[in-house]
Amino acid sequence: MDQTLHRSLKESKAHGSERFPFGIYWYQFAPGAHVVDSHWHTESEIFYCIEGEVLFQINDTEYVPVRAGEALFIDGSDIHTGHARGDQGCSFCAMVFD
């Protein structure tokens, strides 16, 4: 991947604080929605699907859907994106930590 493009996808958001570098985020999306823009961050992430299905791509690998009750580990610096799949939409929790 072109290094300029790679740098442009880096997420600038701080996750947690310096004393507690851990962020938890809850989301809910309609059917077919684009749920995670292509991005990366130095921290690792655990993506836990609460309801519905999300089709994930990490770097150049497309994964099968992450279904309700399943989780996905995303290593720091991996570019990742996701889309809601199915007709019920999805909800999930993302835990981002250093």
C-alpha atoms as a PDB file:
ATOM      1  CA  MET A   1       0.000   0.000   0.000  1.00  0.00           C
ATOM      2  CA  ASP A   2       1.155   3.502  -0.788  1.00  0.00           C
ATOM      3  CA  GLN A   3       2.645   5.046   2.394  1.00  0.00           C
ATOM      4  CA  THR A   4       0.821   8.348   1.881  1.00  0.00           C
ATOM      5  CA  LEU A   5      -2.508   6.522   1.718  1.00  0.00           C
ATOM      6  CA  HIS A   6      -1.561   4.377   4.722  1.00  0.00           C
ATOM      7  CA  ARG A   7      -0.707   7.459   6.822  1.00  0.00           C
ATOM      8  CA  SER A   8      -3.953   9.154   5.768  1.00  0.00           C
ATOM      9  CA  LEU A   9      -6.012   6.254   7.201  1.00  0.00           C
ATOM     10  CA  LYS A  10      -4.539   6.611  10.716  1.00  0.00           C
ATOM     11  CA  GLU A  11      -7.243   7.421  13.243  1.00  0.00           C
ATOM     12  CA  SER A  12      -6.439  10.564  15.246  1.00  0.00           C
ATOM     13  CA  LYS A  13      -8.842   9.868  18.138  1.00  0.00           C
ATOM     14  CA  ALA A  14      -7.329   9.276  21.594  1.00  0.00           C
ATOM     15  CA  HIS A  15      -8.676   6.116  23.244  1.00  0.00           C
ATOM     16  CA  GLY A  16      -9.070   6.521  26.969  1.00  0.00           C
ATOM     17  CA  SER A  17      -6.526   8.620  28.839  1.00  0.00           C
ATOM     18  CA  GLU A  18      -2.803   8.486  29.550  1.00  0.00           C
ATOM     19  CA  ARG A  19      -3.531   6.956  32.963  1.00  0.00           C
ATOM     20  CA  PHE A  20      -6.145   4.524  31.600  1.00  0.00           C
ATOM     21  CA  PRO A  21      -5.528   3.850  27.871  1.00  0.00           C
ATOM     22  CA  PHE A  22      -8.759   1.942  27.205  1.00  0.00           C
ATOM     23  CA  GLY A  23     -11.778   3.127  25.222  1.00  0.00           C
ATOM     24  CA  ILE A  24     -15.169   1.413  24.969  1.00  0.00           C
ATOM     25  CA  TYR A  25     -17.606   2.372  22.213  1.00  0.00           C
ATOM     26  CA  TRP A  26     -21.204   1.201  21.597  1.00  0.00           C
ATOM     27  CA  TYR A  27     -22.838   1.469  18.166  1.00  0.00           C
ATOM     28  CA  GLN A  28     -26.083   0.532  16.418  1.00  0.00           C
ATOM     29  CA  PHE A  29     -26.634   0.626  12.634  1.00  0.00           C
ATOM     30  CA  ALA A  30     -29.428   0.037  10.133  1.00  0.00           C
ATOM     31  CA  PRO A  31     -29.335  -2.866   7.633  1.00  0.00           C
ATOM     32  CA  GLY A  32     -26.647  -2.492   4.941  1.00  0.00           C
ATOM     33  CA  ALA A  33     -24.972   0.445   6.675  1.00  0.00           C
ATOM     34  CA  HIS A  34     -21.254   1.065   6.434  1.00  0.00           C
ATOM     35  CA  VAL A  35     -20.317   0.693  10.104  1.00  0.00           C
ATOM     36  CA  VAL A  36     -16.545   1.143  10.265  1.00  0.00           C
ATOM     37  CA  ASP A  37     -14.608   3.430   7.906  1.00  0.00           C
ATOM     38  CA  SER A  38     -11.231   2.095   6.748  1.00  0.00           C
ATOM     39  CA  HIS A  39      -8.755   3.135   9.422  1.00  0.00           C
ATOM     40  CA  TRP A  40      -5.990   1.948  11.708  1.00  0.00           C
ATOM     41  CA  HIS A  41      -4.575   2.897  15.099  1.00  0.00           C
ATOM     42  CA  THR A  42      -1.571   1.788  17.111  1.00  0.00           C
ATOM     43  CA  GLU A  43      -3.803   0.262  19.793  1.00  0.00           C
ATOM     44  CA  SER A  44      -5.332  -3.223  19.576  1.00  0.00           C
ATOM     45  CA  GLU A  45      -9.104  -3.690  19.413  1.00  0.00           C
ATOM     46  CA  ILE A  46     -11.665  -6.301  20.356  1.00  0.00           C
ATOM     47  CA  PHE A  47     -14.828  -6.014  18.276  1.00  0.00           C
ATOM     48  CA  TYR A  48     -17.837  -7.760  19.863  1.00  0.00           C
ATOM     49  CA  CYS A  49     -21.054  -8.141  17.851  1.00  0.00           C
ATOM     50  CA  ILE A  50     -24.136  -7.860  20.067  1.00  0.00           C
ATOM     51  CA  GLU A  51     -26.871  -8.113  17.428  1.00  0.00           C
ATOM     52  CA  GLY A  52     -26.952  -8.882  13.692  1.00  0.00           C
ATOM     53  CA  GLU A  53     -23.880  -9.486  11.513  1.00  0.00           C
ATOM     54  CA  VAL A  54     -20.921  -7.398  10.391  1.00  0.00           C
ATOM     55  CA  LEU A  55     -18.694  -8.332   7.450  1.00  0.00           C
ATOM     56  CA  PHE A  56     -15.145  -7.292   8.321  1.00  0.00           C
ATOM     57  CA  GLN A  57     -12.015  -6.760   6.290  1.00  0.00           C
ATOM     58  CA  ILE A  58      -8.599  -6.534   7.946  1.00  0.00           C
ATOM     59  CA  ASN A  59      -5.731  -5.430   5.718  1.00  0.00           C
ATOM     60  CA  ASP A  60      -6.228  -7.421   2.486  1.00  0.00           C
ATOM     61  CA  THR A  61      -8.203 -10.276   4.060  1.00  0.00           C
ATOM     62  CA  GLU A  62     -12.005 -10.340   3.930  1.00  0.00           C
ATOM     63  CA  TYR A  63     -13.511 -12.332   6.777  1.00  0.00           C
ATOM     64  CA  VAL A  64     -16.804 -14.132   7.118  1.00  0.00           C
ATOM     65  CA  PRO A  65     -19.443 -12.191   9.004  1.00  0.00           C
ATOM     66  CA  VAL A  66     -18.989 -11.627  12.715  1.00  0.00           C
ATOM     67  CA  ARG A  67     -22.346 -12.673  14.164  1.00  0.00           C
ATOM     68  CA  ALA A  68     -24.129 -11.825  17.408  1.00  0.00           C
ATOM     69  CA  GLY A  69     -22.170 -13.311  20.314  1.00  0.00           C
ATOM     70  CA  GLU A  70     -18.895 -13.484  18.365  1.00  0.00           C
ATOM     71  CA  ALA A  71     -15.799 -11.320  18.696  1.00  0.00           C
ATOM     72  CA  LEU A  72     -12.864 -10.376  16.496  1.00  0.00           C
ATOM     73  CA  PHE A  73      -9.374  -9.323  17.620  1.00  0.00           C
ATOM     74  CA  ILE A  74      -7.729  -6.582  15.554  1.00  0.00           C
ATOM     75  CA  ASP A  75      -4.019  -6.097  16.120  1.00  0.00           C
ATOM     76  CA  GLY A  76      -2.612  -2.591  16.409  1.00  0.00           C
ATOM     77  CA  SER A  77      -1.712  -0.995  13.034  1.00  0.00           C
ATOM     78  CA  ASP A  78      -4.029  -3.312  11.043  1.00  0.00           C
ATOM     79  CA  ILE A  79      -6.256  -1.430   8.586  1.00  0.00           C
ATOM     80  CA  HIS A  80      -9.858  -2.493   9.155  1.00  0.00           C
ATOM     81  CA  THR A  81     -13.376  -1.761   7.898  1.00  0.00           C
ATOM     82  CA  GLY A  82     -16.845  -3.288   8.316  1.00  0.00           C
ATOM     83  CA  HIS A  83     -20.363  -3.314   6.857  1.00  0.00           C
ATOM     84  CA  ALA A  84     -23.676  -4.401   8.387  1.00  0.00           C
ATOM     85  CA  ARG A  85     -24.952  -7.575   6.759  1.00  0.00           C
ATOM     86  CA  GLY A  86     -28.478  -8.961   6.596  1.00  0.00           C
ATOM     87  CA  ASP A  87     -31.844  -7.330   7.045  1.00  0.00           C
ATOM     88  CA  GLN A  88     -31.856  -6.507  10.751  1.00  0.00           C
ATOM     89  CA  GLY A  89     -28.898  -4.119  11.084  1.00  0.00           C
ATOM     90  CA  CYS A  90     -26.364  -4.601  13.840  1.00  0.00           C
ATOM     91  CA  SER A  91     -25.128  -3.384  17.188  1.00  0.00           C
ATOM     92  CA  PHE A  92     -21.654  -3.871  18.584  1.00  0.00           C
ATOM     93  CA  CYS A  93     -19.099  -2.858  21.140  1.00  0.00           C
ATOM     94  CA  ALA A  94     -15.526  -1.912  20.243  1.00  0.00           C
ATOM     95  CA  MET A  95     -12.886  -2.048  22.991  1.00  0.00           C
ATOM     96  CA  VAL A  96      -9.676  -0.244  22.005  1.00  0.00           C
ATOM     97  CA  PHE A  97      -6.651  -0.548  24.275  1.00  0.00           C
ATOM     98  CA  ASP A  98      -2.918   0.052  24.374  1.00  0.00           C
END
